[in-house]
Every structure is written in C-alpha cells, then in structure tokens.
Amino acid sequence: TIPSEIGQLANSLTLLDLQNNSITGSIPSQIGLLTLLQQLYFNDNLLSGYIPIELKSLSILKNLSIDNNNLMLEQNATAVCDLITNCKNTWIEQSQCIKCDGSPTQSST
C-alpha cells in the first residue's frame, strides 16, 4: 500500500518509481502534494480504485506510467490527460504510450 504520508515528501521528490512491486490498494490523494514531481511510475502493480483527480496539481509532471493495474478514471475525467495537462508521455495500457494531446508515440517497451 502507498501510504498517505507520501505527501510529506513534497519539498524534495522529483521522481517516484514504484513500478513492479506488487503494491496493492489505491493511489492516495496526497500524491497531488508532490508538486515537484517530474516522473511518476506506478506501472505493473496491483493498484485499484480511482486515479486521483489531485494528479492535476502535478503541473511539471513529464512522465506518468500507470499501466498494468486495475485503476479507473474519476467520474468527472474523460481521460487521464484531462488530469495531467503538461506531461509529455503517459503510459496507460500495456505497451501503449500516448502523448497528453492524445496522439500516439513510439512505445518505449
């Protein structure tokens, strides 16, 4: 489980890589406090629940990878990129990489 206390790292964390760790539970809303975050990797875990709308606070996020989990969009969001407006790459599905403008890019896997 990702602890809600993760938000206490807000003043220093620019990269958070928790990929491939069999982490269960949900992504805590406190993730939105990590405003210095540029890279976020939660792929290949057992996360479930909603992708927190607080991700929109991560205005300098460049890479977001949440593929291979059981995550859903918040009810008000039509796409992950509605939440993340400035990122360059978002990995949503296995081996699929899209830009935040919705256009496909070359897969990095």
C-alpha atoms as a PDB file:
ATOM      1  CA  THR A   1       0.000   0.000   0.000  1.00  0.00           C
ATOM      2  CA  ILE A   2       1.185   3.506  -0.805  1.00  0.00           C
ATOM      3  CA  PRO A   3       0.912   5.444   2.481  1.00  0.00           C
ATOM      4  CA  SER A   4      -0.914   8.768   2.588  1.00  0.00           C
ATOM      5  CA  GLU A   5       2.179  10.183   4.304  1.00  0.00           C
ATOM      6  CA  ILE A   6       3.829  10.232   0.887  1.00  0.00           C
ATOM      7  CA  GLY A   7       2.680  13.835   0.637  1.00  0.00           C
ATOM      8  CA  GLN A   8       5.239  14.748   3.307  1.00  0.00           C
ATOM      9  CA  LEU A   9       7.963  14.322   0.657  1.00  0.00           C
ATOM     10  CA  ALA A  10       6.617  17.302  -1.272  1.00  0.00           C
ATOM     11  CA  ASN A  11       9.675  19.518  -0.852  1.00  0.00           C
ATOM     12  CA  SER A  12      12.199  17.141  -2.351  1.00  0.00           C
ATOM     13  CA  LEU A  13      10.758  14.406  -4.549  1.00  0.00           C
ATOM     14  CA  THR A  14      11.135  14.793  -8.333  1.00  0.00           C
ATOM     15  CA  LEU A  15      10.996  11.106  -9.300  1.00  0.00           C
ATOM     16  CA  LEU A  16       8.855   8.372  -7.770  1.00  0.00           C
ATOM     17  CA  ASP A  17       9.449   4.895  -9.153  1.00  0.00           C
ATOM     18  CA  LEU A  18       7.351   2.180  -7.528  1.00  0.00           C
ATOM     19  CA  GLN A  19       6.950   0.017 -10.602  1.00  0.00           C
ATOM     20  CA  ASN A  20       6.768  -3.774 -10.471  1.00  0.00           C
ATOM     21  CA  ASN A  21       6.409  -4.148  -6.701  1.00  0.00           C
ATOM     22  CA  SER A  22       3.033  -5.923  -6.343  1.00  0.00           C
ATOM     23  CA  ILE A  23       1.697  -2.890  -4.446  1.00  0.00           C
ATOM     24  CA  THR A  24      -1.988  -3.183  -3.558  1.00  0.00           C
ATOM     25  CA  GLY A  25      -4.563  -0.590  -2.542  1.00  0.00           C
ATOM     26  CA  SER A  26      -5.238   2.751  -4.153  1.00  0.00           C
ATOM     27  CA  ILE A  27      -3.194   5.788  -5.083  1.00  0.00           C
ATOM     28  CA  PRO A  28      -3.632   8.238  -2.176  1.00  0.00           C
ATOM     29  CA  SER A  29      -4.949  11.700  -2.979  1.00  0.00           C
ATOM     30  CA  GLN A  30      -1.892  13.127  -1.173  1.00  0.00           C
ATOM     31  CA  ILE A  31       0.083  12.302  -4.323  1.00  0.00           C
ATOM     32  CA  GLY A  32      -1.120  15.704  -5.520  1.00  0.00           C
ATOM     33  CA  LEU A  33       1.064  17.367  -2.893  1.00  0.00           C
ATOM     34  CA  LEU A  34       4.214  16.240  -4.722  1.00  0.00           C
ATOM     35  CA  THR A  35       4.273  19.321  -6.917  1.00  0.00           C
ATOM     36  CA  LEU A  36       7.994  18.980  -7.764  1.00  0.00           C
ATOM     37  CA  LEU A  37       7.373  15.542  -9.256  1.00  0.00           C
ATOM     38  CA  GLN A  38       8.516  15.189 -12.863  1.00  0.00           C
ATOM     39  CA  GLN A  39       8.348  11.410 -13.249  1.00  0.00           C
ATOM     40  CA  LEU A  40       5.830   9.035 -11.679  1.00  0.00           C
ATOM     41  CA  TYR A  41       5.942   5.284 -12.266  1.00  0.00           C
ATOM     42  CA  PHE A  42       3.269   3.060 -10.689  1.00  0.00           C
ATOM     43  CA  ASN A  43       3.068   0.531 -13.519  1.00  0.00           C
ATOM     44  CA  ASP A  44       2.968  -3.253 -13.068  1.00  0.00           C
ATOM     45  CA  ASN A  45       1.451  -3.349  -9.607  1.00  0.00           C
ATOM     46  CA  LEU A  46      -1.898  -4.427  -8.163  1.00  0.00           C
ATOM     47  CA  LEU A  47      -3.282  -0.932  -7.590  1.00  0.00           C
ATOM     48  CA  SER A  48      -7.035  -0.451  -7.816  1.00  0.00           C
ATOM     49  CA  GLY A  49      -9.616   2.278  -7.395  1.00  0.00           C
ATOM     50  CA  TYR A  50      -9.709   5.695  -8.992  1.00  0.00           C
ATOM     51  CA  ILE A  51      -6.824   7.645 -10.424  1.00  0.00           C
ATOM     52  CA  PRO A  52      -6.930  10.609  -8.039  1.00  0.00           C
ATOM     53  CA  ILE A  53      -8.039  13.904  -9.515  1.00  0.00           C
ATOM     54  CA  GLU A  54      -5.315  15.529  -7.399  1.00  0.00           C
ATOM     55  CA  LEU A  55      -2.845  14.474 -10.091  1.00  0.00           C
ATOM     56  CA  LYS A  56      -3.787  17.697 -11.863  1.00  0.00           C
ATOM     57  CA  SER A  57      -1.706  19.518  -9.225  1.00  0.00           C
ATOM     58  CA  LEU A  58       1.442  17.947 -10.686  1.00  0.00           C
ATOM     59  CA  SER A  59       1.931  20.728 -13.204  1.00  0.00           C
ATOM     60  CA  ILE A  60       5.548  19.866 -14.121  1.00  0.00           C
ATOM     61  CA  LEU A  61       4.991  16.118 -14.460  1.00  0.00           C
ATOM     62  CA  LYS A  62       6.606  14.905 -17.673  1.00  0.00           C
ATOM     63  CA  ASN A  63       6.136  11.128 -17.476  1.00  0.00           C
ATOM     64  CA  LEU A  64       3.292   9.179 -15.922  1.00  0.00           C
ATOM     65  CA  SER A  65       3.163   5.388 -16.089  1.00  0.00           C
ATOM     66  CA  ILE A  66       0.169   3.660 -14.516  1.00  0.00           C
ATOM     67  CA  ASP A  67      -0.314   0.732 -16.875  1.00  0.00           C
ATOM     68  CA  ASN A  68      -0.891  -2.865 -15.761  1.00  0.00           C
ATOM     69  CA  ASN A  69      -3.008  -2.016 -12.720  1.00  0.00           C
ATOM     70  CA  ASN A  70      -6.762  -2.030 -12.068  1.00  0.00           C
ATOM     71  CA  LEU A  71      -7.247   1.735 -12.000  1.00  0.00           C
ATOM     72  CA  MET A  72     -10.284   3.702 -13.151  1.00  0.00           C
ATOM     73  CA  LEU A  73     -10.789   7.344 -14.065  1.00  0.00           C
ATOM     74  CA  GLU A  74     -12.573   9.687 -11.706  1.00  0.00           C
ATOM     75  CA  GLN A  75     -16.171  10.235 -12.743  1.00  0.00           C
ATOM     76  CA  ASN A  76     -15.521  13.801 -13.923  1.00  0.00           C
ATOM     77  CA  ALA A  77     -12.472  12.943 -16.054  1.00  0.00           C
ATOM     78  CA  THR A  78     -12.879  11.757 -19.616  1.00  0.00           C
ATOM     79  CA  ALA A  79      -9.200  10.821 -19.932  1.00  0.00           C
ATOM     80  CA  VAL A  80      -6.063  10.690 -17.840  1.00  0.00           C
ATOM     81  CA  CYS A  81      -4.796  13.669 -19.788  1.00  0.00           C
ATOM     82  CA  ASP A  82      -7.701  15.734 -18.501  1.00  0.00           C
ATOM     83  CA  LEU A  83      -5.931  15.371 -15.169  1.00  0.00           C
ATOM     84  CA  ILE A  84      -2.358  15.846 -16.380  1.00  0.00           C
ATOM     85  CA  THR A  85      -2.111  18.752 -18.791  1.00  0.00           C
ATOM     86  CA  ASN A  86       1.644  19.340 -19.099  1.00  0.00           C
ATOM     87  CA  CYS A  87       3.091  15.841 -19.253  1.00  0.00           C
ATOM     88  CA  LYS A  88       4.880  14.649 -22.355  1.00  0.00           C
ATOM     89  CA  ASN A  89       4.147  10.931 -22.097  1.00  0.00           C
ATOM     90  CA  THR A  90       1.502   8.887 -20.375  1.00  0.00           C
ATOM     91  CA  TRP A  91       1.594   5.108 -20.322  1.00  0.00           C
ATOM     92  CA  ILE A  92      -1.918   3.846 -19.728  1.00  0.00           C
ATOM     93  CA  GLU A  93      -2.267   0.395 -21.234  1.00  0.00           C
ATOM     94  CA  GLN A  94       0.351  -2.302 -21.586  1.00  0.00           C
ATOM     95  CA  SER A  95       2.909  -1.293 -24.225  1.00  0.00           C
ATOM     96  CA  GLN A  96       0.868   1.748 -25.215  1.00  0.00           C
ATOM     97  CA  CYS A  97       2.295   5.202 -24.896  1.00  0.00           C
ATOM     98  CA  ILE A  98       0.301   8.288 -25.749  1.00  0.00           C
ATOM     99  CA  LYS A  99       1.130  11.947 -25.600  1.00  0.00           C
ATOM    100  CA  CYS A 100      -1.115  14.055 -23.457  1.00  0.00           C
ATOM    101  CA  ASP A 101      -2.599  15.592 -26.568  1.00  0.00           C
ATOM    102  CA  GLY A 102      -3.905  12.105 -27.351  1.00  0.00           C
ATOM    103  CA  SER A 103      -1.604  11.394 -30.275  1.00  0.00           C
ATOM    104  CA  PRO A 104       0.294   8.097 -30.273  1.00  0.00           C
ATOM    105  CA  THR A 105       4.051   7.926 -29.874  1.00  0.00           C
ATOM    106  CA  GLN A 106       6.509   5.108 -30.295  1.00  0.00           C
ATOM    107  CA  SER A 107       6.302   2.608 -27.466  1.00  0.00           C
ATOM    108  CA  SER A 108       9.390   2.550 -25.285  1.00  0.00           C
ATOM    109  CA  THR A 109       8.937  -1.091 -24.328  1.00  0.00           C
END
